[in-house]
Amino acid sequence: MSVRSVVRSTVAPYLTPSGRRAAWNLGWMLGGTGIGQLCSVASLLLLTRALGRETYGALSSVLSLRVYMLVIGAAGMRHIVLRETGQRPESHDAVLTGHLIITGIAGAVVALAIVIAANFVPISPDERGLWQIIAICNIASCMGVICFFDVAHRQAMSAIVVATVELAGLAGLVMLERNGYLTLTTAGLILGGKWVVANATMLGLYSAIVHPWRWTFVPATVREMWRSSRTLLISRLAGNVPTATGVPLVRLLHGDGAAGLMGLATQAMNAAMMLGAMANRVLQPHVAGPYGRRPEFLRRLGGFIILFYGGVALAGVVGSWAVIHFYLPDEFNPAWGPCCLLIVAGLVMSLARLLSTWLVIARREGHVARIEFWSAGLYLLIVPLLATWASFRGAAIGTAVASGLLIVLTLTAARSTAAGPEAESVSDNPVVGK
């Protein structure tokens, strides 16, 4: 059998109408997100080089803890939106209104708390200003409607917006650096400004082109969304402990220099997780649909996961080595090992987020929260000890161990949910059927 026939027989089952649409969206997302991610990585490398290891350690600490601001402000809405719009598409306007109300209030409360708290913490004026800028601009990210683009299978449009804004942000950082104005404060204005512009643009495009809507406040819908989101909020807070705690912990134990190395490895992990999240955005609407538990879909989903996640891991390992050895100063060389470890750990956690979609659809948010708590508990138990013993390397090892527990528990629960009574063969599956 020729190579061409093997490739054709492998690809043919995916070339259904919905399969082609998913491939189209994923292709544009790969292009748009790839450009955006390259710009984001280039921006962080520019900041790493321009600010120095110690100052970058402070910036990295703020950006790491910003994850908690985003998780609290976003209130676990993504999975709720996917579930509600999938099960009750006629309630779209009420769901979007509820999303904006809940995330707007939550994001504003978080921002107010950070702005007040920053005035009582013994940090430099520049770092205090950075905290306040990031907290205020984070409100826009909390209220982001990118999940509604996913529901409408218009991920390509949102990816183009993000790529354009990232290009503009990188250009702004380059101009500031060349003119000698790149500081913690100006860097915060550029980073935060990107979030505001990107999310405002996406809301405008969604309202004008993708799905025109009206403000529809339905108290019962808001209450139901909030009840579900509270559980997911707690689980997401626990789930982000391994991704957002390492840099501040290493900084506390070993200073800004070690935090800078851990920050670089963490950014590599975040880049891998972003690519994993991009694939998840294409897959989750199908998982949440009526055919998400069919054997044909599950088999082909498994093949895609192996190819895509494996490719990202390999590219991340090679890419991080090239960046560290050919672009960054020699003082960052010790970060390559932790980079490799955290790239794999990040992809494992991203895969666990995809698998947890089945649990949310089955309204088992509490089980998701318990799994996240077990993983976070293990992390908080072993990472302080490992970080005390082996600094940033120990923190990376602990993160990998916690991610391993997370995927084992999530996979076990998801298998029992996915293998439900609806998991029967079907020929008209929108992803794998005709």
Protein backbone atom coordinates (compact mmCIF):
# COMPACT_ATOMS: atom_id res chain seq x y z
CA MET A 1 0.00 0.00 0.00
CA SER A 2 1.43 3.38 -1.00
CA VAL A 3 2.05 6.21 1.43
CA ARG A 4 -0.55 8.29 -0.41
CA SER A 5 -3.27 5.69 0.04
CA VAL A 6 -2.42 5.28 3.72
CA VAL A 7 -2.67 9.04 4.27
CA ARG A 8 -5.93 9.19 2.31
CA SER A 9 -7.51 6.32 4.25
CA THR A 10 -6.44 7.92 7.54
CA VAL A 11 -7.73 11.39 6.72
CA ALA A 12 -10.92 10.43 4.84
CA PRO A 13 -13.07 9.64 7.91
CA TYR A 14 -12.50 13.18 9.19
CA LEU A 15 -13.61 14.89 5.95
CA THR A 16 -17.28 15.21 6.86
CA PRO A 17 -18.98 18.63 6.53
CA SER A 18 -18.53 19.35 10.22
CA GLY A 19 -15.07 17.82 10.14
CA ARG A 20 -14.08 20.21 7.36
CA ARG A 21 -15.53 23.12 9.30
CA ALA A 22 -13.58 22.09 12.40
CA ALA A 23 -10.41 21.79 10.29
CA TRP A 24 -11.06 25.23 8.78
CA ASN A 25 -11.50 26.78 12.22
CA LEU A 26 -8.49 24.97 13.62
CA GLY A 27 -6.37 26.04 10.65
CA TRP A 28 -7.24 29.69 11.09
CA MET A 29 -6.82 29.38 14.82
CA LEU A 30 -3.40 27.79 14.33
CA GLY A 31 -2.42 30.65 12.06
CA GLY A 32 -3.94 33.44 14.13
CA THR A 33 -3.01 31.99 17.49
CA GLY A 34 0.42 31.06 16.18
CA ILE A 35 1.08 34.65 15.16
CA GLY A 36 -0.40 35.94 18.40
CA GLN A 37 1.59 33.47 20.47
CA LEU A 38 4.82 34.28 18.67
CA CYS A 39 4.19 37.97 19.33
CA SER A 40 3.38 37.24 22.97
CA VAL A 41 6.53 35.15 23.39
CA ALA A 42 8.59 37.80 21.59
CA SER A 43 7.13 40.43 23.92
CA LEU A 44 8.05 38.42 27.00
CA LEU A 45 11.54 37.73 25.68
CA LEU A 46 11.97 41.43 24.96
CA LEU A 47 10.86 42.23 28.50
CA THR A 48 13.15 39.52 29.89
CA ARG A 49 16.14 40.96 28.09
CA ALA A 50 15.34 44.65 28.63
CA LEU A 51 14.28 44.52 32.28
CA GLY A 52 16.89 42.05 33.54
CA ARG A 53 16.43 38.92 35.59
CA GLU A 54 15.45 40.60 38.87
CA THR A 55 12.96 43.11 37.45
CA TYR A 56 11.53 40.47 35.15
CA GLY A 57 11.08 38.27 38.22
CA ALA A 58 8.82 40.96 39.70
CA LEU A 59 6.86 41.26 36.44
CA SER A 60 6.55 37.50 36.15
CA SER A 61 5.20 37.29 39.70
CA VAL A 62 2.46 39.79 38.90
CA LEU A 63 1.54 38.02 35.66
CA SER A 64 1.48 34.65 37.42
CA LEU A 65 -0.86 35.89 40.14
CA ARG A 66 -2.97 37.64 37.49
CA VAL A 67 -4.15 34.14 36.60
CA TYR A 68 -6.05 34.09 39.90
CA MET A 69 -7.60 37.48 39.11
CA LEU A 70 -8.80 36.16 35.77
CA VAL A 71 -10.12 32.89 37.19
CA ILE A 72 -12.11 34.66 39.92
CA GLY A 73 -13.39 37.36 37.57
CA ALA A 74 -14.33 34.94 34.77
CA ALA A 75 -16.23 32.88 37.37
CA GLY A 76 -15.96 29.59 35.47
CA MET A 77 -18.30 30.89 32.78
CA ARG A 78 -16.78 29.18 29.74
CA HIS A 79 -18.15 25.71 30.43
CA ILE A 80 -21.47 27.16 31.61
CA VAL A 81 -21.87 29.08 28.35
CA LEU A 82 -21.07 25.97 26.30
CA ARG A 83 -23.61 23.94 28.23
CA GLU A 84 -26.43 26.49 28.30
CA THR A 85 -26.18 27.57 24.67
CA GLY A 86 -25.87 23.94 23.57
CA GLN A 87 -28.87 22.72 25.55
CA ARG A 88 -31.01 25.88 25.25
CA PRO A 89 -30.00 27.81 22.12
CA GLU A 90 -33.19 29.89 22.29
CA SER A 91 -31.85 31.46 25.52
CA HIS A 92 -28.72 32.85 23.83
CA ASP A 93 -29.40 36.52 24.61
CA ALA A 94 -30.23 35.80 28.25
CA VAL A 95 -27.09 33.67 28.62
CA LEU A 96 -24.87 36.37 27.10
CA THR A 97 -26.45 39.01 29.32
CA GLY A 98 -25.95 36.83 32.38
CA HIS A 99 -22.35 36.19 31.38
CA LEU A 100 -21.59 39.92 31.14
CA ILE A 101 -23.33 40.70 34.44
CA ILE A 102 -21.63 37.97 36.46
CA THR A 103 -18.14 38.43 35.03
CA GLY A 104 -18.36 42.23 35.08
CA ILE A 105 -19.26 42.32 38.76
CA ALA A 106 -16.72 39.64 39.71
CA GLY A 107 -13.93 41.31 37.72
CA ALA A 108 -14.67 44.72 39.24
CA VAL A 109 -14.66 43.32 42.79
CA VAL A 110 -11.29 41.65 42.18
CA ALA A 111 -9.84 44.85 40.69
CA LEU A 112 -11.03 46.95 43.63
CA ALA A 113 -9.52 44.51 46.12
CA ILE A 114 -6.15 44.50 44.32
CA VAL A 115 -6.02 48.30 43.95
CA ILE A 116 -6.67 48.74 47.67
CA ALA A 117 -4.34 45.95 48.81
CA ALA A 118 -1.46 47.22 46.65
CA ASN A 119 -1.32 50.40 48.74
CA PHE A 120 -0.55 48.43 51.89
CA VAL A 121 2.13 46.06 50.54
CA PRO A 122 5.81 47.07 50.89
CA ILE A 123 6.75 47.11 47.19
CA SER A 124 8.25 49.71 44.87
CA PRO A 125 6.01 52.41 43.34
CA ASP A 126 6.56 50.91 39.88
CA GLU A 127 5.45 47.46 41.00
CA ARG A 128 2.46 48.96 42.83
CA GLY A 129 1.42 50.77 39.67
CA LEU A 130 1.83 47.55 37.69
CA TRP A 131 -0.48 45.67 40.06
CA GLN A 132 -3.16 48.34 39.76
CA ILE A 133 -2.96 48.57 35.97
CA ILE A 134 -3.14 44.81 35.52
CA ALA A 135 -6.07 44.49 37.94
CA ILE A 136 -8.16 47.17 36.22
CA CYS A 137 -7.46 45.98 32.67
CA ASN A 138 -8.17 42.42 33.75
CA ILE A 139 -11.89 43.30 33.99
CA ALA A 140 -12.05 43.31 30.18
CA SER A 141 -10.54 39.82 30.03
CA CYS A 142 -13.05 38.54 32.59
CA MET A 143 -15.95 39.82 30.48
CA GLY A 144 -14.51 38.42 27.24
CA VAL A 145 -16.95 36.76 24.85
CA ILE A 146 -14.47 34.48 23.09
CA CYS A 147 -16.42 31.42 24.30
CA PHE A 148 -19.44 32.64 22.30
CA PHE A 149 -17.29 32.65 19.15
CA ASP A 150 -16.52 29.00 19.95
CA VAL A 151 -20.22 28.17 20.29
CA ALA A 152 -20.87 29.79 16.89
CA HIS A 153 -17.87 27.94 15.38
CA ARG A 154 -16.32 31.31 14.47
CA GLN A 155 -13.00 30.76 16.20
CA ALA A 156 -11.15 32.01 13.14
CA MET A 157 -12.51 35.53 13.59
CA SER A 158 -11.50 35.76 17.24
CA ALA A 159 -8.04 34.36 16.43
CA ILE A 160 -7.48 37.09 13.83
CA VAL A 161 -8.46 39.77 16.36
CA VAL A 162 -6.07 38.40 18.96
CA ALA A 163 -3.21 38.14 16.44
CA THR A 164 -3.72 41.73 15.28
CA VAL A 165 -3.75 43.09 18.83
CA GLU A 166 -0.67 41.06 19.78
CA LEU A 167 1.20 42.46 16.78
CA ALA A 168 0.28 45.99 17.84
CA GLY A 169 1.34 45.27 21.43
CA LEU A 170 4.72 43.92 20.34
CA ALA A 171 5.27 46.99 18.16
CA GLY A 172 4.47 49.19 21.15
CA LEU A 173 6.97 47.40 23.39
CA VAL A 174 9.68 47.63 20.72
CA MET A 175 9.12 51.38 20.38
CA LEU A 176 9.26 51.88 24.14
CA GLU A 177 12.44 49.80 24.43
CA ARG A 178 14.21 51.64 21.62
CA ASN A 179 13.36 55.03 23.10
CA GLY A 180 14.35 54.05 26.63
CA TYR A 181 10.85 54.20 28.14
CA LEU A 182 10.32 50.51 28.86
CA THR A 183 9.59 50.14 32.59
CA LEU A 184 7.30 48.01 34.72
CA THR A 185 4.59 50.67 34.46
CA THR A 186 4.75 51.16 30.69
CA ALA A 187 4.96 47.40 30.16
CA GLY A 188 1.81 47.02 32.26
CA LEU A 189 0.01 49.64 30.17
CA ILE A 190 0.84 47.78 26.96
CA LEU A 191 -0.07 44.34 28.33
CA GLY A 192 -3.29 45.52 29.94
CA GLY A 193 -4.20 47.66 26.95
CA LYS A 194 -4.03 44.58 24.73
CA TRP A 195 -6.66 42.82 26.83
CA VAL A 196 -9.02 45.81 26.75
CA VAL A 197 -8.73 46.39 23.00
CA ALA A 198 -8.97 42.70 22.06
CA ASN A 199 -12.04 41.95 24.17
CA ALA A 200 -13.86 45.17 23.26
CA THR A 201 -13.24 44.47 19.57
CA MET A 202 -14.51 40.90 19.87
CA LEU A 203 -17.69 42.01 21.63
CA GLY A 204 -18.33 44.56 18.88
CA LEU A 205 -17.73 42.05 16.08
CA TYR A 206 -19.84 39.39 17.74
CA SER A 207 -22.74 41.79 18.23
CA ALA A 208 -22.54 43.23 14.70
CA ILE A 209 -21.64 40.20 12.58
CA VAL A 210 -21.73 36.83 14.31
CA HIS A 211 -24.92 36.97 16.39
CA PRO A 212 -26.74 40.31 16.87
CA TRP A 213 -28.35 40.25 20.29
CA ARG A 214 -30.34 42.32 22.77
CA TRP A 215 -29.76 42.88 26.45
CA THR A 216 -32.10 40.30 28.00
CA PHE A 217 -31.99 40.14 31.76
CA VAL A 218 -33.68 36.98 33.03
CA PRO A 219 -33.09 36.65 36.80
CA ALA A 220 -33.73 32.90 36.78
CA THR A 221 -31.07 32.37 34.10
CA VAL A 222 -28.54 34.52 35.95
CA ARG A 223 -29.19 32.65 39.20
CA GLU A 224 -28.81 29.26 37.55
CA MET A 225 -25.58 30.31 35.81
CA TRP A 226 -24.21 31.71 39.06
CA ARG A 227 -25.02 28.54 41.01
CA SER A 228 -23.10 26.41 38.52
CA SER A 229 -20.29 28.92 38.15
CA ARG A 230 -19.58 29.07 41.88
CA THR A 231 -18.56 25.42 41.91
CA LEU A 232 -16.49 25.79 38.75
CA LEU A 233 -14.91 28.97 40.12
CA ILE A 234 -13.67 27.08 43.15
CA SER A 235 -12.39 24.23 40.99
CA ARG A 236 -10.62 26.64 38.62
CA LEU A 237 -8.97 28.41 41.54
CA ALA A 238 -7.67 25.07 42.75
CA GLY A 239 -6.74 24.06 39.20
CA ASN A 240 -4.59 27.13 38.70
CA VAL A 241 -2.56 26.61 41.86
CA PRO A 242 0.07 24.56 39.95
CA THR A 243 0.31 27.14 37.14
CA ALA A 244 0.30 30.38 39.10
CA THR A 245 1.97 29.65 42.44
CA GLY A 246 5.45 28.51 41.42
CA VAL A 247 6.98 31.88 40.54
CA PRO A 248 5.85 33.77 43.68
CA LEU A 249 6.85 30.81 45.85
CA VAL A 250 10.34 30.58 44.34
CA ARG A 251 10.70 34.35 44.63
CA LEU A 252 9.78 34.18 48.31
CA LEU A 253 12.23 31.35 49.02
CA HIS A 254 15.16 32.19 46.74
CA GLY A 255 14.81 35.79 45.49
CA ASP A 256 14.20 37.53 42.18
CA GLY A 257 16.97 35.74 40.25
CA ALA A 258 15.52 32.27 40.79
CA ALA A 259 12.03 33.69 40.19
CA GLY A 260 13.19 34.94 36.80
CA LEU A 261 14.29 31.42 35.81
CA MET A 262 11.06 29.91 37.11
CA GLY A 263 9.17 32.67 35.32
CA LEU A 264 10.75 31.76 32.00
CA ALA A 265 9.87 28.08 32.46
CA THR A 266 6.34 29.05 33.50
CA GLN A 267 5.92 31.18 30.37
CA ALA A 268 6.95 28.16 28.28
CA MET A 269 4.30 26.13 30.09
CA ASN A 270 1.70 28.85 29.50
CA ALA A 271 2.55 28.93 25.79
CA ALA A 272 2.00 25.17 25.54
CA MET A 273 -1.23 25.43 27.52
CA MET A 274 -2.45 28.20 25.23
CA LEU A 275 -1.97 25.96 22.21
CA GLY A 276 -3.73 23.15 24.04
CA ALA A 277 -6.57 25.52 24.94
CA MET A 278 -6.82 26.54 21.29
CA ALA A 279 -7.45 22.92 20.28
CA ASN A 280 -9.86 22.54 23.19
CA ARG A 281 -11.86 25.52 21.94
CA VAL A 282 -12.49 23.72 18.65
CA LEU A 283 -13.24 20.37 20.29
CA GLN A 284 -15.38 21.40 23.27
CA PRO A 285 -18.47 22.50 21.30
CA HIS A 286 -18.50 19.04 19.68
CA VAL A 287 -17.91 17.31 23.01
CA ALA A 288 -20.83 19.31 24.45
CA GLY A 289 -23.05 18.42 21.49
CA PRO A 290 -25.38 15.44 21.12
CA TYR A 291 -22.68 13.19 19.64
CA GLY A 292 -19.90 13.86 22.14
CA ARG A 293 -20.08 10.35 23.62
CA ARG A 294 -20.25 8.28 20.42
CA PRO A 295 -17.46 5.70 19.93
CA GLU A 296 -16.51 7.02 16.46
CA PHE A 297 -16.05 10.52 17.81
CA LEU A 298 -14.07 9.32 20.82
CA ARG A 299 -11.70 7.21 18.71
CA ARG A 300 -10.88 10.04 16.33
CA LEU A 301 -10.63 12.48 19.18
CA GLY A 302 -7.99 10.24 20.74
CA GLY A 303 -5.99 10.15 17.52
CA PHE A 304 -6.10 13.92 17.20
CA ILE A 305 -4.99 14.41 20.81
CA ILE A 306 -1.96 12.17 20.34
CA LEU A 307 -0.84 13.93 17.17
CA PHE A 308 -1.56 17.51 18.21
CA TYR A 309 -0.44 17.42 21.84
CA GLY A 310 2.62 15.33 20.99
CA GLY A 311 3.60 17.76 18.24
CA VAL A 312 3.24 20.75 20.55
CA ALA A 313 5.39 19.06 23.21
CA LEU A 314 8.17 18.29 20.74
CA ALA A 315 8.09 21.78 19.25
CA GLY A 316 8.12 23.32 22.72
CA VAL A 317 11.16 21.36 23.86
CA VAL A 318 13.16 22.22 20.74
CA GLY A 319 11.97 25.82 20.63
CA SER A 320 12.78 26.55 24.26
CA TRP A 321 16.29 25.14 23.80
CA ALA A 322 16.87 27.36 20.77
CA VAL A 323 15.59 30.49 22.50
CA ILE A 324 17.62 29.93 25.66
CA HIS A 325 20.87 29.09 23.90
CA PHE A 326 20.75 31.53 20.99
CA TYR A 327 18.78 34.54 22.22
CA LEU A 328 18.81 34.93 26.00
CA PRO A 329 21.86 35.67 28.16
CA ASP A 330 23.79 32.73 29.60
CA GLU A 331 22.25 33.32 33.03
CA PHE A 332 19.01 31.76 31.71
CA ASN A 333 20.66 28.47 30.60
CA PRO A 334 19.62 26.57 33.78
CA ALA A 335 15.96 27.12 32.89
CA TRP A 336 15.85 24.67 29.95
CA GLY A 337 15.28 21.51 32.00
CA PRO A 338 12.37 23.05 33.94
CA CYS A 339 11.02 24.44 30.65
CA CYS A 340 10.79 20.93 29.20
CA LEU A 341 9.18 19.54 32.33
CA LEU A 342 6.62 22.33 32.60
CA ILE A 343 5.74 22.19 28.89
CA VAL A 344 4.70 18.56 29.30
CA ALA A 345 2.94 19.31 32.60
CA GLY A 346 1.05 22.20 31.00
CA LEU A 347 -0.18 20.05 28.13
CA VAL A 348 -1.29 17.36 30.57
CA MET A 349 -3.31 19.95 32.52
CA SER A 350 -4.79 21.31 29.30
CA LEU A 351 -5.88 17.81 28.32
CA ALA A 352 -7.49 17.38 31.73
CA ARG A 353 -9.51 20.57 31.09
CA LEU A 354 -10.79 19.06 27.86
CA LEU A 355 -11.77 15.81 29.56
CA SER A 356 -13.58 17.68 32.33
CA THR A 357 -16.03 19.00 29.71
CA TRP A 358 -17.89 15.68 29.88
CA LEU A 359 -18.30 16.10 33.62
CA VAL A 360 -19.67 19.65 33.31
CA ILE A 361 -22.13 18.60 30.60
CA ALA A 362 -23.34 15.87 32.96
CA ARG A 363 -23.71 18.57 35.67
CA ARG A 364 -20.96 17.00 37.78
CA GLU A 365 -19.24 20.30 38.55
CA GLY A 366 -18.72 19.18 42.13
CA HIS A 367 -16.68 16.19 40.97
CA VAL A 368 -14.50 18.49 38.86
CA ALA A 369 -13.91 20.65 41.93
CA ARG A 370 -12.92 17.65 44.06
CA ILE A 371 -10.41 16.47 41.45
CA GLU A 372 -8.89 19.94 41.20
CA PHE A 373 -8.64 20.12 44.99
CA TRP A 374 -6.80 16.80 45.18
CA SER A 375 -4.28 18.00 42.60
CA ALA A 376 -3.86 21.41 44.24
CA GLY A 377 -3.52 19.79 47.66
CA LEU A 378 -0.73 17.53 46.44
CA TYR A 379 0.99 20.54 44.85
CA LEU A 380 0.82 22.61 48.04
CA LEU A 381 2.08 19.64 50.03
CA ILE A 382 5.17 18.78 48.00
CA VAL A 383 6.19 21.90 46.06
CA PRO A 384 7.23 24.08 49.04
CA LEU A 385 9.46 21.23 50.21
CA LEU A 386 10.90 20.57 46.76
CA ALA A 387 11.38 24.30 46.07
CA THR A 388 13.19 24.74 49.38
CA TRP A 389 15.47 21.83 48.48
CA ALA A 390 16.01 22.45 44.76
CA SER A 391 14.71 25.98 44.07
CA PHE A 392 12.99 26.42 40.69
CA ARG A 393 13.90 22.87 39.60
CA GLY A 394 12.08 21.42 42.59
CA ALA A 395 9.03 23.58 41.88
CA ALA A 396 8.96 22.28 38.30
CA ILE A 397 9.14 18.66 39.47
CA GLY A 398 6.29 19.21 41.92
CA THR A 399 4.15 20.80 39.21
CA ALA A 400 4.67 17.79 36.96
CA VAL A 401 3.69 15.37 39.73
CA ALA A 402 0.51 17.34 40.49
CA SER A 403 -0.44 17.39 36.80
CA GLY A 404 -0.01 13.62 36.67
CA LEU A 405 -2.50 13.14 39.51
CA LEU A 406 -4.92 15.56 37.83
CA ILE A 407 -4.99 13.69 34.51
CA VAL A 408 -5.37 10.27 36.14
CA LEU A 409 -8.34 11.34 38.26
CA THR A 410 -9.99 13.31 35.44
CA LEU A 411 -9.55 10.53 32.90
CA THR A 412 -11.06 7.98 35.27
CA ALA A 413 -14.13 10.15 35.90
CA ALA A 414 -14.53 11.19 32.26
CA ARG A 415 -14.41 7.58 31.03
CA SER A 416 -17.33 6.61 33.25
CA THR A 417 -19.29 9.65 32.04
CA ALA A 418 -18.47 9.34 28.33
CA ALA A 419 -19.34 5.63 28.30
CA GLY A 420 -22.97 6.39 29.13
CA PRO A 421 -26.15 5.10 27.49
CA GLU A 422 -25.84 7.54 24.59
CA ALA A 423 -22.47 6.15 23.57
CA GLU A 424 -23.69 4.13 20.64
CA SER A 425 -22.64 4.02 17.02
CA VAL A 426 -24.16 6.56 14.67
CA SER A 427 -23.55 7.27 11.03
CA ASP A 428 -24.74 10.88 11.00
CA ASN A 429 -22.35 12.20 13.59
CA PRO A 430 -21.66 15.83 12.60
CA VAL A 431 -17.97 15.28 13.17
CA VAL A 432 -17.40 11.74 11.99
CA GLY A 433 -20.51 10.88 10.01
CA LYS A 434 -21.64 11.59 6.51
